[in-house]
Amino acid sequence: MKDMINRAVSLGLGIAIASKEQAEKLVDELVRKGEMSRAESFAFVDDLLKKGQEAQRKVEAVVQERVQAAIGDKKWATKEDIERLERRLDRLIARLEKPGAGAGEGEGEGVKTEEDLP
């Protein structure tokens, strides 16, 4: 049974049983059945967790690669870009709301504010 578990973990199924609690339950069962000593169980749990963490890192790397491939060389706005544009819009709206800021249209006549927009 121990070999079967090792093979399953090696095949990438370690993610499914990588939680420490599940691994400890599994090892306790092996100790209870006499298939493993208590001393072996501690090393075995550590090994299971390490393999599970390694499998998780591999999955994360694959996901990262796929995301990068999907995004490609596209330029996306950063949070800072959006915040900068929002500040700029706020300043422009404030200027437009001031009396006489209608670009030659009189005192704000014809100038739409945020409240006027649909």
PDB file of N, CA and C in Angstrom:
ATOM      1  N   MET A   1       0.832  -1.191   0.000  1.00  0.00           N
ATOM      2  CA  MET A   1       0.000   0.000   0.000  1.00  0.00           C
ATOM      3  C   MET A   1       0.878   1.258   0.000  1.00  0.00           C
ATOM      4  N   LYS A   2       1.966   1.240   0.746  1.00  0.00           N
ATOM      5  CA  LYS A   2       2.871   2.387   0.803  1.00  0.00           C
ATOM      6  C   LYS A   2       3.416   2.710  -0.585  1.00  0.00           C
ATOM      7  N   ASP A   3       3.783   1.683  -1.347  1.00  0.00           N
ATOM      8  CA  ASP A   3       4.288   1.899  -2.704  1.00  0.00           C
ATOM      9  C   ASP A   3       3.213   2.504  -3.603  1.00  0.00           C
ATOM     10  N   MET A   4       2.005   2.028  -3.454  1.00  0.00           N
ATOM     11  CA  MET A   4       0.914   2.557  -4.263  1.00  0.00           C
ATOM     12  C   MET A   4       0.719   4.052  -3.975  1.00  0.00           C
ATOM     13  N   ILE A   5       0.795   4.430  -2.725  1.00  0.00           N
ATOM     14  CA  ILE A   5       0.638   5.839  -2.366  1.00  0.00           C
ATOM     15  C   ILE A   5       1.778   6.657  -2.937  1.00  0.00           C
ATOM     16  N   ASN A   6       2.985   6.155  -2.828  1.00  0.00           N
ATOM     17  CA  ASN A   6       4.140   6.865  -3.392  1.00  0.00           C
ATOM     18  C   ASN A   6       3.978   7.071  -4.890  1.00  0.00           C
ATOM     19  N   ARG A   7       3.500   6.055  -5.585  1.00  0.00           N
ATOM     20  CA  ARG A   7       3.299   6.185  -7.030  1.00  0.00           C
ATOM     21  C   ARG A   7       2.224   7.219  -7.344  1.00  0.00           C
ATOM     22  N   ALA A   8       1.154   7.215  -6.563  1.00  0.00           N
ATOM     23  CA  ALA A   8       0.079   8.181  -6.789  1.00  0.00           C
ATOM     24  C   ALA A   8       0.590   9.605  -6.608  1.00  0.00           C
ATOM     25  N   VAL A   9       1.365   9.809  -5.568  1.00  0.00           N
ATOM     26  CA  VAL A   9       1.925  11.141  -5.329  1.00  0.00           C
ATOM     27  C   VAL A   9       2.866  11.508  -6.458  1.00  0.00           C
ATOM     28  N   SER A  10       3.675  10.562  -6.885  1.00  0.00           N
ATOM     29  CA  SER A  10       4.617  10.826  -7.966  1.00  0.00           C
ATOM     30  C   SER A  10       3.906  11.153  -9.268  1.00  0.00           C
ATOM     31  N   LEU A  11       2.726  10.662  -9.449  1.00  0.00           N
ATOM     32  CA  LEU A  11       1.960  10.931 -10.668  1.00  0.00           C
ATOM     33  C   LEU A  11       1.241  12.277 -10.623  1.00  0.00           C
ATOM     34  N   GLY A  12       1.453  13.023  -9.572  1.00  0.00           N
ATOM     35  CA  GLY A  12       0.844  14.344  -9.504  1.00  0.00           C
ATOM     36  C   GLY A  12      -0.439  14.396  -8.708  1.00  0.00           C
ATOM     37  N   LEU A  13      -0.800  13.288  -8.103  1.00  0.00           N
ATOM     38  CA  LEU A  13      -2.011  13.290  -7.297  1.00  0.00           C
ATOM     39  C   LEU A  13      -1.742  13.819  -5.896  1.00  0.00           C
ATOM     40  N   GLY A  14      -0.509  14.220  -5.647  1.00  0.00           N
ATOM     41  CA  GLY A  14      -0.125  14.747  -4.347  1.00  0.00           C
ATOM     42  C   GLY A  14      -0.921  15.969  -3.955  1.00  0.00           C
ATOM     43  N   ILE A  15      -1.376  16.709  -4.930  1.00  0.00           N
ATOM     44  CA  ILE A  15      -2.157  17.910  -4.629  1.00  0.00           C
ATOM     45  C   ILE A  15      -3.430  17.529  -3.873  1.00  0.00           C
ATOM     46  N   ALA A  16      -4.039  16.421  -4.272  1.00  0.00           N
ATOM     47  CA  ALA A  16      -5.295  16.005  -3.664  1.00  0.00           C
ATOM     48  C   ALA A  16      -5.120  15.569  -2.213  1.00  0.00           C
ATOM     49  N   ILE A  17      -3.946  15.025  -1.867  1.00  0.00           N
ATOM     50  CA  ILE A  17      -3.754  14.544  -0.501  1.00  0.00           C
ATOM     51  C   ILE A  17      -2.657  15.307   0.225  1.00  0.00           C
ATOM     52  N   ALA A  18      -2.342  16.481  -0.273  1.00  0.00           N
ATOM     53  CA  ALA A  18      -1.225  17.244   0.271  1.00  0.00           C
ATOM     54  C   ALA A  18      -1.519  17.905   1.606  1.00  0.00           C
ATOM     55  N   SER A  19      -2.755  18.031   1.969  1.00  0.00           N
ATOM     56  CA  SER A  19      -3.010  18.688   3.249  1.00  0.00           C
ATOM     57  C   SER A  19      -2.468  17.817   4.367  1.00  0.00           C
ATOM     58  N   LYS A  20      -1.889  18.469   5.324  1.00  0.00           N
ATOM     59  CA  LYS A  20      -1.231  17.756   6.418  1.00  0.00           C
ATOM     60  C   LYS A  20      -2.206  16.845   7.156  1.00  0.00           C
ATOM     61  N   GLU A  21      -3.405  17.313   7.375  1.00  0.00           N
ATOM     62  CA  GLU A  21      -4.389  16.523   8.106  1.00  0.00           C
ATOM     63  C   GLU A  21      -4.709  15.224   7.377  1.00  0.00           C
ATOM     64  N   GLN A  22      -4.939  15.307   6.087  1.00  0.00           N
ATOM     65  CA  GLN A  22      -5.244  14.106   5.310  1.00  0.00           C
ATOM     66  C   GLN A  22      -4.058  13.155   5.292  1.00  0.00           C
ATOM     67  N   ALA A  23      -2.865  13.697   5.143  1.00  0.00           N
ATOM     68  CA  ALA A  23      -1.667  12.859   5.112  1.00  0.00           C
ATOM     69  C   ALA A  23      -1.482  12.151   6.442  1.00  0.00           C
ATOM     70  N   GLU A  24      -1.705  12.865   7.540  1.00  0.00           N
ATOM     71  CA  GLU A  24      -1.551  12.247   8.856  1.00  0.00           C
ATOM     72  C   GLU A  24      -2.580  11.146   9.073  1.00  0.00           C
ATOM     73  N   LYS A  25      -3.811  11.355   8.632  1.00  0.00           N
ATOM     74  CA  LYS A  25      -4.833  10.307   8.757  1.00  0.00           C
ATOM     75  C   LYS A  25      -4.424   9.061   7.985  1.00  0.00           C
ATOM     76  N   LEU A  26      -3.915   9.261   6.791  1.00  0.00           N
ATOM     77  CA  LEU A  26      -3.483   8.143   5.961  1.00  0.00           C
ATOM     78  C   LEU A  26      -2.353   7.381   6.634  1.00  0.00           C
ATOM     79  N   VAL A  27      -1.386   8.100   7.156  1.00  0.00           N
ATOM     80  CA  VAL A  27      -0.234   7.466   7.804  1.00  0.00           C
ATOM     81  C   VAL A  27      -0.660   6.771   9.089  1.00  0.00           C
ATOM     82  N   ASP A  28      -1.551   7.382   9.855  1.00  0.00           N
ATOM     83  CA  ASP A  28      -2.046   6.729  11.072  1.00  0.00           C
ATOM     84  C   ASP A  28      -2.688   5.391  10.741  1.00  0.00           C
ATOM     85  N   GLU A  29      -3.408   5.346   9.641  1.00  0.00           N
ATOM     86  CA  GLU A  29      -4.026   4.085   9.208  1.00  0.00           C
ATOM     87  C   GLU A  29      -2.959   3.050   8.860  1.00  0.00           C
ATOM     88  N   LEU A  30      -1.897   3.465   8.177  1.00  0.00           N
ATOM     89  CA  LEU A  30      -0.806   2.543   7.839  1.00  0.00           C
ATOM     90  C   LEU A  30      -0.106   2.041   9.098  1.00  0.00           C
ATOM     91  N   VAL A  31       0.093   2.916  10.078  1.00  0.00           N
ATOM     92  CA  VAL A  31       0.725   2.515  11.342  1.00  0.00           C
ATOM     93  C   VAL A  31      -0.189   1.540  12.068  1.00  0.00           C
ATOM     94  N   ARG A  32      -1.474   1.833  12.101  1.00  0.00           N
ATOM     95  CA  ARG A  32      -2.446   0.967  12.775  1.00  0.00           C
ATOM     96  C   ARG A  32      -2.447  -0.431  12.163  1.00  0.00           C
ATOM     97  N   LYS A  33      -2.324  -0.508  10.837  1.00  0.00           N
ATOM     98  CA  LYS A  33      -2.304  -1.803  10.153  1.00  0.00           C
ATOM     99  C   LYS A  33      -0.949  -2.489  10.254  1.00  0.00           C
ATOM    100  N   GLY A  34       0.034  -1.788  10.808  1.00  0.00           N
ATOM    101  CA  GLY A  34       1.356  -2.376  10.955  1.00  0.00           C
ATOM    102  C   GLY A  34       2.195  -2.324   9.691  1.00  0.00           C
ATOM    103  N   GLU A  35       1.778  -1.557   8.713  1.00  0.00           N
ATOM    104  CA  GLU A  35       2.525  -1.461   7.458  1.00  0.00           C
ATOM    105  C   GLU A  35       3.633  -0.413   7.525  1.00  0.00           C
ATOM    106  N   MET A  36       3.674   0.339   8.634  1.00  0.00           N
ATOM    107  CA  MET A  36       4.677   1.389   8.772  1.00  0.00           C
ATOM    108  C   MET A  36       4.883   1.650  10.262  1.00  0.00           C
ATOM    109  N   SER A  37       6.128   1.934  10.641  1.00  0.00           N
ATOM    110  CA  SER A  37       6.405   2.274  12.038  1.00  0.00           C
ATOM    111  C   SER A  37       6.080   3.744  12.276  1.00  0.00           C
ATOM    112  N   ARG A  38       5.958   4.112  13.543  1.00  0.00           N
ATOM    113  CA  ARG A  38       5.667   5.497  13.891  1.00  0.00           C
ATOM    114  C   ARG A  38       6.798   6.412  13.407  1.00  0.00           C
ATOM    115  N   ALA A  39       8.050   5.955  13.539  1.00  0.00           N
ATOM    116  CA  ALA A  39       9.198   6.757  13.092  1.00  0.00           C
ATOM    117  C   ALA A  39       9.143   6.977  11.581  1.00  0.00           C
ATOM    118  N   GLU A  40       8.797   5.926  10.836  1.00  0.00           N
ATOM    119  CA  GLU A  40       8.686   6.056   9.375  1.00  0.00           C
ATOM    120  C   GLU A  40       7.555   7.010   8.993  1.00  0.00           C
ATOM    121  N   SER A  41       6.519   7.020   9.823  1.00  0.00           N
ATOM    122  CA  SER A  41       5.345   7.821   9.487  1.00  0.00           C
ATOM    123  C   SER A  41       5.663   9.312   9.424  1.00  0.00           C
ATOM    124  N   PHE A  42       6.506   9.799  10.334  1.00  0.00           N
ATOM    125  CA  PHE A  42       6.842  11.225  10.324  1.00  0.00           C
ATOM    126  C   PHE A  42       7.584  11.605   9.046  1.00  0.00           C
ATOM    127  N   ALA A  43       8.550  10.775   8.674  1.00  0.00           N
ATOM    128  CA  ALA A  43       9.302  11.045   7.444  1.00  0.00           C
ATOM    129  C   ALA A  43       8.384  10.944   6.225  1.00  0.00           C
ATOM    130  N   PHE A  44       7.470   9.990   6.272  1.00  0.00           N
ATOM    131  CA  PHE A  44       6.559   9.781   5.151  1.00  0.00           C
ATOM    132  C   PHE A  44       5.627  10.983   4.966  1.00  0.00           C
ATOM    133  N   VAL A  45       5.099  11.516   6.073  1.00  0.00           N
ATOM    134  CA  VAL A  45       4.219  12.687   6.000  1.00  0.00           C
ATOM    135  C   VAL A  45       4.988  13.873   5.424  1.00  0.00           C
ATOM    136  N   ASP A  46       6.214  14.074   5.910  1.00  0.00           N
ATOM    137  CA  ASP A  46       7.029  15.168   5.374  1.00  0.00           C
ATOM    138  C   ASP A  46       7.248  15.004   3.877  1.00  0.00           C
ATOM    139  N   ASP A  47       7.536  13.771   3.453  1.00  0.00           N
ATOM    140  CA  ASP A  47       7.768  13.505   2.033  1.00  0.00           C
ATOM    141  C   ASP A  47       6.507  13.779   1.213  1.00  0.00           C
ATOM    142  N   LEU A  48       5.365  13.338   1.731  1.00  0.00           N
ATOM    143  CA  LEU A  48       4.099  13.591   1.030  1.00  0.00           C
ATOM    144  C   LEU A  48       3.851  15.092   0.877  1.00  0.00           C
ATOM    145  N   LEU A  49       4.076  15.823   1.950  1.00  0.00           N
ATOM    146  CA  LEU A  49       3.837  17.263   1.898  1.00  0.00           C
ATOM    147  C   LEU A  49       4.793  17.952   0.936  1.00  0.00           C
ATOM    148  N   LYS A  50       6.046  17.546   0.940  1.00  0.00           N
ATOM    149  CA  LYS A  50       7.020  18.138   0.016  1.00  0.00           C
ATOM    150  C   LYS A  50       6.634  17.859  -1.430  1.00  0.00           C
ATOM    151  N   LYS A  51       6.218  16.619  -1.697  1.00  0.00           N
ATOM    152  CA  LYS A  51       5.813  16.279  -3.062  1.00  0.00           C
ATOM    153  C   LYS A  51       4.556  17.047  -3.463  1.00  0.00           C
ATOM    154  N   GLY A  52       3.642  17.207  -2.529  1.00  0.00           N
ATOM    155  CA  GLY A  52       2.434  17.980  -2.810  1.00  0.00           C
ATOM    156  C   GLY A  52       2.755  19.438  -3.102  1.00  0.00           C
ATOM    157  N   GLN A  53       3.674  20.006  -2.330  1.00  0.00           N
ATOM    158  CA  GLN A  53       4.076  21.397  -2.557  1.00  0.00           C
ATOM    159  C   GLN A  53       4.780  21.548  -3.899  1.00  0.00           C
ATOM    160  N   GLU A  54       5.619  20.582  -4.243  1.00  0.00           N
ATOM    161  CA  GLU A  54       6.315  20.630  -5.535  1.00  0.00           C
ATOM    162  C   GLU A  54       5.307  20.538  -6.687  1.00  0.00           C
ATOM    163  N   ALA A  55       4.327  19.646  -6.537  1.00  0.00           N
ATOM    164  CA  ALA A  55       3.295  19.526  -7.571  1.00  0.00           C
ATOM    165  C   ALA A  55       2.516  20.835  -7.698  1.00  0.00           C
ATOM    166  N   GLN A  56       2.235  21.470  -6.560  1.00  0.00           N
ATOM    167  CA  GLN A  56       1.520  22.746  -6.592  1.00  0.00           C
ATOM    168  C   GLN A  56       2.353  23.809  -7.301  1.00  0.00           C
ATOM    169  N   ARG A  57       3.653  23.856  -7.038  1.00  0.00           N
ATOM    170  CA  ARG A  57       4.523  24.826  -7.718  1.00  0.00           C
ATOM    171  C   ARG A  57       4.524  24.586  -9.225  1.00  0.00           C
ATOM    172  N   LYS A  58       4.529  23.315  -9.625  1.00  0.00           N
ATOM    173  CA  LYS A  58       4.515  23.010 -11.055  1.00  0.00           C
ATOM    174  C   LYS A  58       3.212  23.473 -11.701  1.00  0.00           C
ATOM    175  N   VAL A  59       2.104  23.242 -11.017  1.00  0.00           N
ATOM    176  CA  VAL A  59       0.808  23.677 -11.539  1.00  0.00           C
ATOM    177  C   VAL A  59       0.781  25.197 -11.657  1.00  0.00           C
ATOM    178  N   GLU A  60       1.275  25.884 -10.629  1.00  0.00           N
ATOM    179  CA  GLU A  60       1.308  27.348 -10.669  1.00  0.00           C
ATOM    180  C   GLU A  60       2.169  27.850 -11.821  1.00  0.00           C
ATOM    181  N   ALA A  61       3.291  27.181 -12.075  1.00  0.00           N
ATOM    182  CA  ALA A  61       4.169  27.587 -13.179  1.00  0.00           C
ATOM    183  C   ALA A  61       3.463  27.407 -14.523  1.00  0.00           C
ATOM    184  N   VAL A  62       2.746  26.294 -14.676  1.00  0.00           N
ATOM    185  CA  VAL A  62       2.021  26.043 -15.924  1.00  0.00           C
ATOM    186  C   VAL A  62       0.924  27.092 -16.109  1.00  0.00           C
ATOM    187  N   VAL A  63       0.202  27.396 -15.042  1.00  0.00           N
ATOM    188  CA  VAL A  63      -0.852  28.410 -15.124  1.00  0.00           C
ATOM    189  C   VAL A  63      -0.250  29.758 -15.509  1.00  0.00           C
ATOM    190  N   GLN A  64       0.865  30.116 -14.873  1.00  0.00           N
ATOM    191  CA  GLN A  64       1.526  31.385 -15.189  1.00  0.00           C
ATOM    192  C   GLN A  64       1.939  31.431 -16.661  1.00  0.00           C
ATOM    193  N   GLU A  65       2.506  30.336 -17.163  1.00  0.00           N
ATOM    194  CA  GLU A  65       2.911  30.279 -18.574  1.00  0.00           C
ATOM    195  C   GLU A  65       1.715  30.464 -19.496  1.00  0.00           C
ATOM    196  N   ARG A  66       0.611  29.801 -19.161  1.00  0.00           N
ATOM    197  CA  ARG A  66      -0.585  29.888 -20.010  1.00  0.00           C
ATOM    198  C   ARG A  66      -1.191  31.287 -19.975  1.00  0.00           C
ATOM    199  N   VAL A  67      -1.184  31.908 -18.816  1.00  0.00           N
ATOM    200  CA  VAL A  67      -1.697  33.279 -18.719  1.00  0.00           C
ATOM    201  C   VAL A  67      -0.837  34.208 -19.561  1.00  0.00           C
ATOM    202  N   GLN A  68       0.477  34.072 -19.450  1.00  0.00           N
ATOM    203  CA  GLN A  68       1.378  34.911 -20.238  1.00  0.00           C
ATOM    204  C   GLN A  68       1.171  34.680 -21.733  1.00  0.00           C
ATOM    205  N   ALA A  69       0.963  33.420 -22.122  1.00  0.00           N
ATOM    206  CA  ALA A  69       0.731  33.115 -23.537  1.00  0.00           C
ATOM    207  C   ALA A  69      -0.583  33.744 -24.011  1.00  0.00           C
ATOM    208  N   ALA A  70      -1.600  33.724 -23.148  1.00  0.00           N
ATOM    209  CA  ALA A  70      -2.896  34.294 -23.521  1.00  0.00           C
ATOM    210  C   ALA A  70      -2.825  35.813 -23.623  1.00  0.00           C
ATOM    211  N   ILE A  71      -2.094  36.413 -22.721  1.00  0.00           N
ATOM    212  CA  ILE A  71      -1.973  37.871 -22.724  1.00  0.00           C
ATOM    213  C   ILE A  71      -1.077  38.330 -23.860  1.00  0.00           C
ATOM    214  N   GLY A  72      -0.003  37.604 -24.078  1.00  0.00           N
ATOM    215  CA  GLY A  72       0.931  37.962 -25.139  1.00  0.00           C
ATOM    216  C   GLY A  72       1.595  39.291 -24.873  1.00  0.00           C
ATOM    217  N   ASP A  73       1.811  40.054 -25.922  1.00  0.00           N
ATOM    218  CA  ASP A  73       2.482  41.346 -25.812  1.00  0.00           C
ATOM    219  C   ASP A  73       1.499  42.501 -25.672  1.00  0.00           C
ATOM    220  N   LYS A  74       0.257  42.183 -25.368  1.00  0.00           N
ATOM    221  CA  LYS A  74      -0.746  43.236 -25.226  1.00  0.00           C
ATOM    222  C   LYS A  74      -0.369  44.149 -24.071  1.00  0.00           C
ATOM    223  N   LYS A  75      -0.655  45.407 -24.242  1.00  0.00           N
ATOM    224  CA  LYS A  75      -0.405  46.392 -23.194  1.00  0.00           C
ATOM    225  C   LYS A  75      -1.696  46.587 -22.410  1.00  0.00           C
ATOM    226  N   TRP A  76      -1.663  46.310 -21.137  1.00  0.00           N
ATOM    227  CA  TRP A  76      -2.822  46.452 -20.277  1.00  0.00           C
ATOM    228  C   TRP A  76      -2.599  47.627 -19.343  1.00  0.00           C
ATOM    229  N   ALA A  77      -3.675  48.317 -19.034  1.00  0.00           N
ATOM    230  CA  ALA A  77      -3.593  49.434 -18.097  1.00  0.00           C
ATOM    231  C   ALA A  77      -3.324  48.889 -16.699  1.00  0.00           C
ATOM    232  N   THR A  78      -2.389  49.526 -16.024  1.00  0.00           N
ATOM    233  CA  THR A  78      -2.100  49.150 -14.646  1.00  0.00           C
ATOM    234  C   THR A  78      -3.034  49.911 -13.720  1.00  0.00           C
ATOM    235  N   LYS A  79      -3.052  49.511 -12.471  1.00  0.00           N
ATOM    236  CA  LYS A  79      -3.854  50.211 -11.480  1.00  0.00           C
ATOM    237  C   LYS A  79      -3.417  51.672 -11.397  1.00  0.00           C
ATOM    238  N   GLU A  80      -2.114  51.890 -11.469  1.00  0.00           N
ATOM    239  CA  GLU A  80      -1.589  53.250 -11.414  1.00  0.00           C
ATOM    240  C   GLU A  80      -2.048  54.068 -12.622  1.00  0.00           C
ATOM    241  N   ASP A  81      -2.075  53.441 -13.805  1.00  0.00           N
ATOM    242  CA  ASP A  81      -2.559  54.138 -15.005  1.00  0.00           C
ATOM    243  C   ASP A  81      -4.001  54.594 -14.820  1.00  0.00           C
ATOM    244  N   ILE A  82      -4.819  53.711 -14.307  1.00  0.00           N
ATOM    245  CA  ILE A  82      -6.237  54.019 -14.119  1.00  0.00           C
ATOM    246  C   ILE A  82      -6.412  55.120 -13.077  1.00  0.00           C
ATOM    247  N   GLU A  83      -5.656  55.017 -11.973  1.00  0.00           N
ATOM    248  CA  GLU A  83      -5.745  56.054 -10.941  1.00  0.00           C
ATOM    249  C   GLU A  83      -5.302  57.411 -11.486  1.00  0.00           C
ATOM    250  N   ARG A  84      -4.262  57.434 -12.315  1.00  0.00           N
ATOM    251  CA  ARG A  84      -3.782  58.676 -12.919  1.00  0.00           C
ATOM    252  C   ARG A  84      -4.866  59.281 -13.815  1.00  0.00           C
ATOM    253  N   LEU A  85      -5.515  58.442 -14.617  1.00  0.00           N
ATOM    254  CA  LEU A  85      -6.584  58.925 -15.498  1.00  0.00           C
ATOM    255  C   LEU A  85      -7.780  59.436 -14.697  1.00  0.00           C
ATOM    256  N   GLU A  86      -8.096  58.754 -13.604  1.00  0.00           N
ATOM    257  CA  GLU A  86      -9.204  59.213 -12.766  1.00  0.00           C
ATOM    258  C   GLU A  86      -8.901  60.589 -12.167  1.00  0.00           C
ATOM    259  N   ARG A  87      -7.664  60.784 -11.709  1.00  0.00           N
ATOM    260  CA  ARG A  87      -7.288  62.096 -11.170  1.00  0.00           C
ATOM    261  C   ARG A  87      -7.391  63.168 -12.255  1.00  0.00           C
ATOM    262  N   ARG A  88      -6.948  62.825 -13.455  1.00  0.00           N
ATOM    263  CA  ARG A  88      -7.004  63.780 -14.568  1.00  0.00           C
ATOM    264  C   ARG A  88      -8.455  64.136 -14.894  1.00  0.00           C
ATOM    265  N   LEU A  89      -9.308  63.115 -14.932  1.00  0.00           N
ATOM    266  CA  LEU A  89     -10.728  63.370 -15.191  1.00  0.00           C
ATOM    267  C   LEU A  89     -11.334  64.249 -14.108  1.00  0.00           C
ATOM    268  N   ASP A  90     -10.985  63.974 -12.859  1.00  0.00           N
ATOM    269  CA  ASP A  90     -11.498  64.791 -11.756  1.00  0.00           C
ATOM    270  C   ASP A  90     -11.103  66.255 -11.931  1.00  0.00           C
ATOM    271  N   ARG A  91      -9.845  66.492 -12.321  1.00  0.00           N
ATOM    272  CA  ARG A  91      -9.382  67.865 -12.535  1.00  0.00           C
ATOM    273  C   ARG A  91     -10.132  68.517 -13.701  1.00  0.00           C
ATOM    274  N   LEU A  92     -10.319  67.774 -14.794  1.00  0.00           N
ATOM    275  CA  LEU A  92     -11.029  68.323 -15.955  1.00  0.00           C
ATOM    276  C   LEU A  92     -12.482  68.629 -15.620  1.00  0.00           C
ATOM    277  N   ILE A  93     -13.120  67.743 -14.901  1.00  0.00           N
ATOM    278  CA  ILE A  93     -14.520  67.969 -14.516  1.00  0.00           C
ATOM    279  C   ILE A  93     -14.613  69.187 -13.610  1.00  0.00           C
ATOM    280  N   ALA A  94     -13.677  69.317 -12.685  1.00  0.00           N
ATOM    281  CA  ALA A  94     -13.676  70.480 -11.790  1.00  0.00           C
ATOM    282  C   ALA A  94     -13.512  71.767 -12.587  1.00  0.00           C
ATOM    283  N   ARG A  95     -12.648  71.759 -13.588  1.00  0.00           N
ATOM    284  CA  ARG A  95     -12.455  72.947 -14.437  1.00  0.00           C
ATOM    285  C   ARG A  95     -13.723  73.278 -15.207  1.00  0.00           C
ATOM    286  N   LEU A  96     -14.384  72.260 -15.723  1.00  0.00           N
ATOM    287  CA  LEU A  96     -15.597  72.484 -16.509  1.00  0.00           C
ATOM    288  C   LEU A  96     -16.747  72.987 -15.651  1.00  0.00           C
ATOM    289  N   GLU A  97     -16.765  72.616 -14.389  1.00  0.00           N
ATOM    290  CA  GLU A  97     -17.853  73.029 -13.508  1.00  0.00           C
ATOM    291  C   GLU A  97     -17.690  74.461 -13.015  1.00  0.00           C
ATOM    292  N   LYS A  98     -16.507  75.039 -13.176  1.00  0.00           N
ATOM    293  CA  LYS A  98     -16.282  76.428 -12.764  1.00  0.00           C
ATOM    294  C   LYS A  98     -17.024  77.354 -13.721  1.00  0.00           C
ATOM    295  N   PRO A  99     -17.555  78.456 -13.202  1.00  0.00           N
ATOM    296  CA  PRO A  99     -18.232  79.425 -14.081  1.00  0.00           C
ATOM    297  C   PRO A  99     -17.268  79.954 -15.137  1.00  0.00           C
ATOM    298  N   GLY A 100     -17.748  80.045 -16.368  1.00  0.00           N
ATOM    299  CA  GLY A 100     -16.945  80.580 -17.462  1.00  0.00           C
ATOM    300  C   GLY A 100     -15.987  79.573 -18.060  1.00  0.00           C
ATOM    301  N   ALA A 101     -16.167  78.309 -17.781  1.00  0.00           N
ATOM    302  CA  ALA A 101     -15.233  77.299 -18.286  1.00  0.00           C
ATOM    303  C   ALA A 101     -15.827  76.534 -19.449  1.00  0.00           C
ATOM    304  N   GLY A 102     -16.557  77.181 -20.319  1.00  0.00           N
ATOM    305  CA  GLY A 102     -17.227  76.471 -21.392  1.00  0.00           C
ATOM    306  C   GLY A 102     -16.564  76.568 -22.731  1.00  0.00           C
ATOM    307  N   ALA A 103     -15.326  76.904 -22.813  1.00  0.00           N
ATOM    308  CA  ALA A 103     -14.585  76.999 -24.079  1.00  0.00           C
ATOM    309  C   ALA A 103     -15.316  77.901 -25.056  1.00  0.00           C
ATOM    310  N   GLY A 104     -15.689  79.101 -24.581  1.00  0.00           N
ATOM    311  CA  GLY A 104     -16.321  80.072 -25.463  1.00  0.00           C
ATOM    312  C   GLY A 104     -17.819  79.928 -25.541  1.00  0.00           C
ATOM    313  N   GLU A 105     -18.423  79.097 -24.725  1.00  0.00           N
ATOM    314  CA  GLU A 105     -19.859  78.875 -24.792  1.00  0.00           C
ATOM    315  C   GLU A 105     -20.601  79.638 -23.703  1.00  0.00           C
ATOM    316  N   GLY A 106     -19.988  80.569 -23.093  1.00  0.00           N
ATOM    317  CA  GLY A 106     -20.647  81.290 -22.020  1.00  0.00           C
ATOM    318  C   GLY A 106     -20.300  80.655 -20.688  1.00  0.00           C
ATOM    319  N   GLU A 107     -21.101  80.995 -19.683  1.00  0.00           N
ATOM    320  CA  GLU A 107     -20.787  80.516 -18.343  1.00  0.00           C
ATOM    321  C   GLU A 107     -21.287  79.095 -18.152  1.00  0.00           C
ATOM    322  N   GLY A 108     -20.592  78.135 -18.744  1.00  0.00           N
ATOM    323  CA  GLY A 108     -20.918  76.737 -18.531  1.00  0.00           C
ATOM    324  C   GLY A 108     -22.067  76.228 -19.355  1.00  0.00           C
ATOM    325  N   GLU A 109     -22.646  77.075 -20.209  1.00  0.00           N
ATOM    326  CA  GLU A 109     -23.760  76.625 -21.024  1.00  0.00           C
ATOM    327  C   GLU A 109     -23.293  75.553 -21.995  1.00  0.00           C
ATOM    328  N   GLY A 110     -24.069  74.520 -22.117  1.00  0.00           N
ATOM    329  CA  GLY A 110     -23.751  73.456 -23.060  1.00  0.00           C
ATOM    330  C   GLY A 110     -22.694  72.482 -22.557  1.00  0.00           C
ATOM    331  N   VAL A 111     -22.148  72.766 -21.403  1.00  0.00           N
ATOM    332  CA  VAL A 111     -21.136  71.866 -20.847  1.00  0.00           C
ATOM    333  C   VAL A 111     -21.845  70.844 -19.982  1.00  0.00           C
ATOM    334  N   LYS A 112     -21.647  69.595 -20.300  1.00  0.00           N
ATOM    335  CA  LYS A 112     -22.300  68.537 -19.549  1.00  0.00           C
ATOM    336  C   LYS A 112     -21.394  68.085 -18.407  1.00  0.00           C
ATOM    337  N   THR A 113     -22.000  67.892 -17.265  1.00  0.00           N
ATOM    338  CA  THR A 113     -21.276  67.358 -16.111  1.00  0.00           C
ATOM    339  C   THR A 113     -21.643  65.894 -15.964  1.00  0.00           C
ATOM    340  N   GLU A 114     -21.051  65.245 -14.989  1.00  0.00           N
ATOM    341  CA  GLU A 114     -21.352  63.829 -14.767  1.00  0.00           C
ATOM    342  C   GLU A 114     -22.836  63.608 -14.512  1.00  0.00           C
ATOM    343  N   GLU A 115     -23.472  64.550 -13.807  1.00  0.00           N
ATOM    344  CA  GLU A 115     -24.890  64.412 -13.486  1.00  0.00           C
ATOM    345  C   GLU A 115     -25.759  64.493 -14.738  1.00  0.00           C
ATOM    346  N   ASP A 116     -25.277  65.212 -15.757  1.00  0.00           N
ATOM    347  CA  ASP A 116     -26.045  65.398 -16.990  1.00  0.00           C
ATOM    348  C   ASP A 116     -25.945  64.204 -17.931  1.00  0.00           C
ATOM    349  N   LEU A 117     -24.890  63.413 -17.766  1.00  0.00           N
ATOM    350  CA  LEU A 117     -24.665  62.301 -18.694  1.00  0.00           C
ATOM    351  C   LEU A 117     -25.591  61.144 -18.377  1.00  0.00           C
ATOM    352  N   PRO A 118     -25.993  60.381 -19.411  1.00  0.00           N
ATOM    353  CA  PRO A 118     -26.902  59.246 -19.178  1.00  0.00           C
ATOM    354  C   PRO A 118     -26.217  58.144 -18.406  1.00  0.00           C
TER     355      PRO A 118
END
